[in-house]
């Protein structure tokens, strides 16, 4: 297995484990400069809040979803940066609102 393949497999395994073992999930929304809406599902990992699902609803109505099953495509990728709702312009939303967009 090449180093890149090994790293990709380890990354997927990490996010999959976070998703499957999560007992606490937090949900947020963020509006970008172009008017798109970003919906985020994050779980704690140690003292960080790690994004495990992310959905971008563009201003034109397109939906792009990312998680451990679909990490990236030509439109973007699941963020690899922990988030801090106290430092970033994130609005808390309900799990139901997140799920409504995610399942659209």
N, C-alpha and C. Protein backbone atom coordinates (compact mmCIF):
# COMPACT_ATOMS: atom_id res chain seq x y z
N UNK A 1 0.85 -1.17 0.00
CA UNK A 1 0.00 0.00 0.00
C UNK A 1 0.90 1.24 0.00
N UNK A 2 0.61 2.17 -0.87
CA UNK A 2 1.41 3.39 -0.93
C UNK A 2 1.13 4.25 0.29
N UNK A 3 2.03 5.18 0.56
CA UNK A 3 1.83 6.08 1.69
C UNK A 3 0.54 6.87 1.57
N UNK A 4 0.23 7.37 0.36
CA UNK A 4 -1.00 8.15 0.18
C UNK A 4 -2.24 7.30 0.40
N UNK A 5 -2.23 6.08 -0.06
CA UNK A 5 -3.36 5.17 0.14
C UNK A 5 -3.52 4.84 1.62
N UNK A 6 -2.41 4.63 2.31
CA UNK A 6 -2.46 4.33 3.74
C UNK A 6 -3.01 5.53 4.51
N UNK A 7 -2.53 6.71 4.18
CA UNK A 7 -3.01 7.93 4.86
C UNK A 7 -4.50 8.13 4.61
N UNK A 8 -4.93 7.93 3.38
CA UNK A 8 -6.36 8.07 3.05
C UNK A 8 -7.19 7.07 3.84
N UNK A 9 -6.73 5.83 3.92
CA UNK A 9 -7.46 4.80 4.66
C UNK A 9 -7.52 5.13 6.15
N UNK A 10 -6.43 5.63 6.72
CA UNK A 10 -6.41 6.00 8.13
C UNK A 10 -7.33 7.19 8.39
N UNK A 11 -7.37 8.13 7.47
CA UNK A 11 -8.23 9.31 7.62
C UNK A 11 -9.69 8.90 7.59
N UNK A 12 -10.06 8.07 6.64
CA UNK A 12 -11.44 7.59 6.56
C UNK A 12 -11.80 6.82 7.82
N UNK A 13 -10.91 5.97 8.31
CA UNK A 13 -11.16 5.19 9.52
C UNK A 13 -11.37 6.10 10.73
N UNK A 14 -10.59 7.17 10.83
CA UNK A 14 -10.72 8.12 11.94
C UNK A 14 -12.09 8.79 11.93
N UNK A 15 -12.50 9.34 10.79
CA UNK A 15 -13.80 10.03 10.71
C UNK A 15 -14.96 9.05 10.85
N UNK A 16 -14.81 7.86 10.32
CA UNK A 16 -15.85 6.84 10.46
C UNK A 16 -16.05 6.48 11.93
N UNK A 17 -14.96 6.27 12.64
CA UNK A 17 -15.05 5.95 14.06
C UNK A 17 -15.70 7.08 14.85
N UNK A 18 -15.32 8.32 14.55
CA UNK A 18 -15.94 9.46 15.24
C UNK A 18 -17.45 9.46 15.01
N UNK A 19 -17.85 9.24 13.77
CA UNK A 19 -19.28 9.25 13.43
C UNK A 19 -20.01 8.11 14.13
N UNK A 20 -19.47 6.93 14.07
CA UNK A 20 -20.17 5.76 14.61
C UNK A 20 -20.17 5.70 16.13
N UNK A 21 -19.20 6.32 16.78
CA UNK A 21 -19.10 6.24 18.23
C UNK A 21 -19.61 7.49 18.95
N UNK A 22 -20.05 8.48 18.20
CA UNK A 22 -20.45 9.74 18.80
C UNK A 22 -21.69 9.59 19.68
N UNK A 23 -21.61 10.15 20.87
CA UNK A 23 -22.77 10.21 21.75
C UNK A 23 -23.31 11.63 21.84
N UNK A 24 -22.49 12.60 21.48
CA UNK A 24 -22.88 14.00 21.46
C UNK A 24 -22.59 14.54 20.07
N UNK A 25 -23.59 15.17 19.49
CA UNK A 25 -23.43 15.80 18.17
C UNK A 25 -23.93 17.23 18.26
N UNK A 26 -23.19 18.13 17.64
CA UNK A 26 -23.58 19.54 17.61
C UNK A 26 -23.73 19.95 16.15
N UNK A 27 -24.66 20.87 15.92
CA UNK A 27 -25.01 21.26 14.56
C UNK A 27 -24.96 22.78 14.42
N UNK A 28 -24.42 23.21 13.29
CA UNK A 28 -24.23 24.63 13.05
C UNK A 28 -24.54 24.98 11.60
N UNK A 29 -24.75 26.28 11.38
CA UNK A 29 -24.93 26.81 10.04
C UNK A 29 -24.04 28.03 9.91
N UNK A 30 -23.53 28.23 8.71
CA UNK A 30 -22.67 29.38 8.41
C UNK A 30 -23.03 29.89 7.02
N UNK A 31 -23.11 31.20 6.85
CA UNK A 31 -23.35 31.79 5.54
C UNK A 31 -22.03 32.28 4.97
N UNK A 32 -21.72 31.88 3.73
CA UNK A 32 -20.46 32.32 3.12
C UNK A 32 -20.65 33.63 2.34
N UNK A 33 -19.57 34.14 1.78
CA UNK A 33 -19.57 35.42 1.10
C UNK A 33 -20.48 35.45 -0.12
N UNK A 34 -20.71 34.30 -0.76
CA UNK A 34 -21.54 34.23 -1.97
C UNK A 34 -23.01 33.97 -1.65
N UNK A 35 -23.35 33.90 -0.37
CA UNK A 35 -24.73 33.64 0.02
C UNK A 35 -25.06 32.18 0.18
N UNK A 36 -24.06 31.31 0.06
CA UNK A 36 -24.28 29.88 0.29
C UNK A 36 -24.39 29.58 1.77
N UNK A 37 -25.08 28.52 2.09
CA UNK A 37 -25.23 28.09 3.49
C UNK A 37 -24.46 26.80 3.70
N UNK A 38 -23.69 26.77 4.76
CA UNK A 38 -22.92 25.59 5.15
C UNK A 38 -23.54 25.02 6.41
N UNK A 39 -23.90 23.75 6.38
CA UNK A 39 -24.44 23.05 7.54
C UNK A 39 -23.39 22.05 8.01
N UNK A 40 -23.17 22.03 9.31
CA UNK A 40 -22.07 21.25 9.88
C UNK A 40 -22.58 20.39 11.03
N UNK A 41 -22.14 19.13 11.05
CA UNK A 41 -22.35 18.26 12.20
C UNK A 41 -20.97 17.99 12.77
N UNK A 42 -20.79 18.26 14.04
CA UNK A 42 -19.48 18.11 14.67
C UNK A 42 -19.62 17.32 15.97
N UNK A 43 -18.53 16.62 16.31
CA UNK A 43 -18.50 15.83 17.53
C UNK A 43 -17.21 16.14 18.29
N UNK A 44 -17.25 16.02 19.61
CA UNK A 44 -16.02 16.25 20.37
C UNK A 44 -15.03 15.10 20.19
N UNK A 45 -13.77 15.46 20.10
CA UNK A 45 -12.67 14.51 20.08
C UNK A 45 -11.60 15.10 20.97
N UNK A 46 -11.51 14.61 22.18
CA UNK A 46 -10.63 15.24 23.16
C UNK A 46 -11.17 16.63 23.46
N UNK A 47 -10.34 17.64 23.33
CA UNK A 47 -10.79 19.01 23.60
C UNK A 47 -11.09 19.78 22.31
N UNK A 48 -11.24 19.07 21.19
CA UNK A 48 -11.56 19.71 19.91
C UNK A 48 -12.97 19.30 19.46
N UNK A 49 -13.54 20.14 18.61
CA UNK A 49 -14.82 19.84 17.99
C UNK A 49 -14.54 19.58 16.51
N UNK A 50 -14.71 18.32 16.11
CA UNK A 50 -14.32 17.87 14.77
C UNK A 50 -15.56 17.73 13.89
N UNK A 51 -15.50 18.31 12.70
CA UNK A 51 -16.59 18.22 11.73
C UNK A 51 -16.58 16.82 11.11
N UNK A 52 -17.73 16.13 11.21
CA UNK A 52 -17.82 14.79 10.61
C UNK A 52 -18.76 14.77 9.41
N UNK A 53 -19.63 15.77 9.30
CA UNK A 53 -20.50 15.91 8.13
C UNK A 53 -20.61 17.39 7.81
N UNK A 54 -20.64 17.67 6.52
CA UNK A 54 -20.72 19.06 6.09
C UNK A 54 -21.52 19.09 4.79
N UNK A 55 -22.50 19.99 4.75
CA UNK A 55 -23.32 20.15 3.56
C UNK A 55 -23.29 21.61 3.14
N UNK A 56 -22.98 21.84 1.87
CA UNK A 56 -23.00 23.20 1.34
C UNK A 56 -24.20 23.34 0.41
N UNK A 57 -25.08 24.26 0.74
CA UNK A 57 -26.21 24.60 -0.11
C UNK A 57 -25.85 25.91 -0.79
N UNK A 58 -25.50 25.86 -2.06
CA UNK A 58 -25.02 27.05 -2.76
C UNK A 58 -26.16 28.03 -3.00
N UNK A 59 -25.79 29.26 -3.32
CA UNK A 59 -26.81 30.28 -3.59
C UNK A 59 -27.64 29.92 -4.83
N UNK A 60 -27.12 29.06 -5.70
CA UNK A 60 -27.87 28.62 -6.89
C UNK A 60 -28.74 27.39 -6.60
N UNK A 61 -28.66 26.87 -5.37
CA UNK A 61 -29.49 25.74 -4.97
C UNK A 61 -28.83 24.38 -5.05
N UNK A 62 -27.58 24.31 -5.50
CA UNK A 62 -26.87 23.02 -5.55
C UNK A 62 -26.48 22.58 -4.14
N UNK A 63 -26.50 21.29 -3.90
CA UNK A 63 -26.13 20.75 -2.60
C UNK A 63 -24.91 19.85 -2.76
N UNK A 64 -23.90 20.11 -1.95
CA UNK A 64 -22.69 19.29 -1.92
C UNK A 64 -22.52 18.77 -0.50
N UNK A 65 -22.42 17.44 -0.35
CA UNK A 65 -22.32 16.81 0.97
C UNK A 65 -20.99 16.08 1.10
N UNK A 66 -20.43 16.15 2.31
CA UNK A 66 -19.15 15.49 2.58
C UNK A 66 -19.19 14.82 3.94
N UNK A 67 -18.68 13.60 4.01
CA UNK A 67 -18.51 12.86 5.25
C UNK A 67 -17.46 11.78 4.99
N UNK A 68 -17.34 10.81 5.89
CA UNK A 68 -16.29 9.80 5.71
C UNK A 68 -16.56 8.91 4.50
N UNK A 69 -17.81 8.85 4.04
CA UNK A 69 -18.14 8.04 2.87
C UNK A 69 -17.84 8.77 1.56
N UNK A 70 -17.88 10.08 1.60
CA UNK A 70 -17.65 10.91 0.41
C UNK A 70 -16.83 12.12 0.87
N UNK A 71 -15.53 11.94 0.86
CA UNK A 71 -14.61 12.92 1.44
C UNK A 71 -14.43 14.18 0.62
N UNK A 72 -14.34 14.01 -0.70
CA UNK A 72 -14.10 15.18 -1.54
C UNK A 72 -14.55 14.92 -2.96
N UNK A 73 -14.75 16.02 -3.69
CA UNK A 73 -15.06 15.95 -5.11
C UNK A 73 -14.59 17.25 -5.75
N UNK A 74 -15.01 17.49 -6.98
CA UNK A 74 -14.54 18.68 -7.69
C UNK A 74 -15.07 19.99 -7.10
N UNK A 75 -16.05 19.91 -6.21
CA UNK A 75 -16.63 21.12 -5.61
C UNK A 75 -16.02 21.49 -4.27
N UNK A 76 -15.45 20.51 -3.58
CA UNK A 76 -14.89 20.78 -2.27
C UNK A 76 -14.56 19.51 -1.52
N UNK A 77 -14.43 19.65 -0.19
CA UNK A 77 -14.04 18.51 0.64
C UNK A 77 -14.48 18.75 2.08
N UNK A 78 -14.54 17.67 2.83
CA UNK A 78 -14.79 17.77 4.27
C UNK A 78 -13.61 18.49 4.91
N UNK A 79 -13.91 19.49 5.72
CA UNK A 79 -12.83 20.23 6.36
C UNK A 79 -12.03 19.31 7.26
N UNK A 80 -10.75 19.56 7.34
CA UNK A 80 -9.88 18.80 8.24
C UNK A 80 -9.47 19.64 9.43
N UNK A 81 -10.12 20.78 9.61
CA UNK A 81 -9.81 21.68 10.72
C UNK A 81 -10.88 21.58 11.80
N UNK A 82 -10.47 21.50 13.04
CA UNK A 82 -11.42 21.55 14.15
C UNK A 82 -12.08 22.93 14.16
N UNK A 83 -13.30 23.00 14.69
CA UNK A 83 -13.99 24.28 14.75
C UNK A 83 -14.12 24.75 16.18
N UNK A 84 -14.26 26.05 16.33
CA UNK A 84 -14.48 26.67 17.63
C UNK A 84 -15.66 27.63 17.49
N UNK A 85 -16.86 27.20 17.88
CA UNK A 85 -18.04 28.04 17.72
C UNK A 85 -17.94 29.39 18.42
N UNK A 86 -17.07 29.50 19.41
CA UNK A 86 -16.89 30.77 20.11
C UNK A 86 -16.06 31.75 19.29
N UNK A 87 -15.22 31.25 18.39
CA UNK A 87 -14.32 32.08 17.62
C UNK A 87 -14.75 32.26 16.16
N UNK A 88 -15.69 31.44 15.70
CA UNK A 88 -16.08 31.47 14.30
C UNK A 88 -17.54 31.89 14.19
N UNK A 89 -17.91 32.48 13.05
CA UNK A 89 -19.30 32.93 12.88
C UNK A 89 -20.25 31.77 12.56
N UNK A 90 -20.51 30.94 13.55
CA UNK A 90 -21.39 29.79 13.39
C UNK A 90 -22.66 29.99 14.19
N UNK A 91 -23.78 29.62 13.60
CA UNK A 91 -25.07 29.70 14.28
C UNK A 91 -25.51 28.28 14.62
N UNK A 92 -25.85 28.03 15.86
CA UNK A 92 -26.33 26.71 16.25
C UNK A 92 -27.68 26.45 15.60
N UNK A 93 -27.88 25.23 15.10
CA UNK A 93 -29.16 24.81 14.53
C UNK A 93 -29.53 23.47 15.16
N UNK A 94 -30.77 23.09 14.98
CA UNK A 94 -31.21 21.81 15.53
C UNK A 94 -30.70 20.65 14.67
N UNK A 95 -30.68 19.48 15.28
CA UNK A 95 -30.32 18.28 14.53
C UNK A 95 -31.31 18.04 13.40
N UNK A 96 -32.58 18.38 13.63
CA UNK A 96 -33.60 18.20 12.60
C UNK A 96 -33.35 19.11 11.40
N UNK A 97 -32.95 20.35 11.65
CA UNK A 97 -32.65 21.25 10.53
C UNK A 97 -31.46 20.74 9.73
N UNK A 98 -30.42 20.32 10.44
CA UNK A 98 -29.26 19.75 9.75
C UNK A 98 -29.68 18.55 8.90
N UNK A 99 -30.45 17.64 9.49
CA UNK A 99 -30.86 16.41 8.80
C UNK A 99 -31.73 16.73 7.59
N UNK A 100 -32.60 17.73 7.70
CA UNK A 100 -33.46 18.13 6.58
C UNK A 100 -32.61 18.51 5.37
N UNK A 101 -31.55 19.29 5.59
CA UNK A 101 -30.67 19.70 4.50
C UNK A 101 -29.85 18.50 4.04
N UNK A 102 -29.29 17.74 4.97
CA UNK A 102 -28.42 16.61 4.62
C UNK A 102 -29.16 15.60 3.74
N UNK A 103 -30.41 15.34 4.03
CA UNK A 103 -31.18 14.32 3.30
C UNK A 103 -31.89 14.85 2.06
N UNK A 104 -31.75 16.11 1.79
CA UNK A 104 -32.42 16.73 0.63
C UNK A 104 -32.04 16.07 -0.67
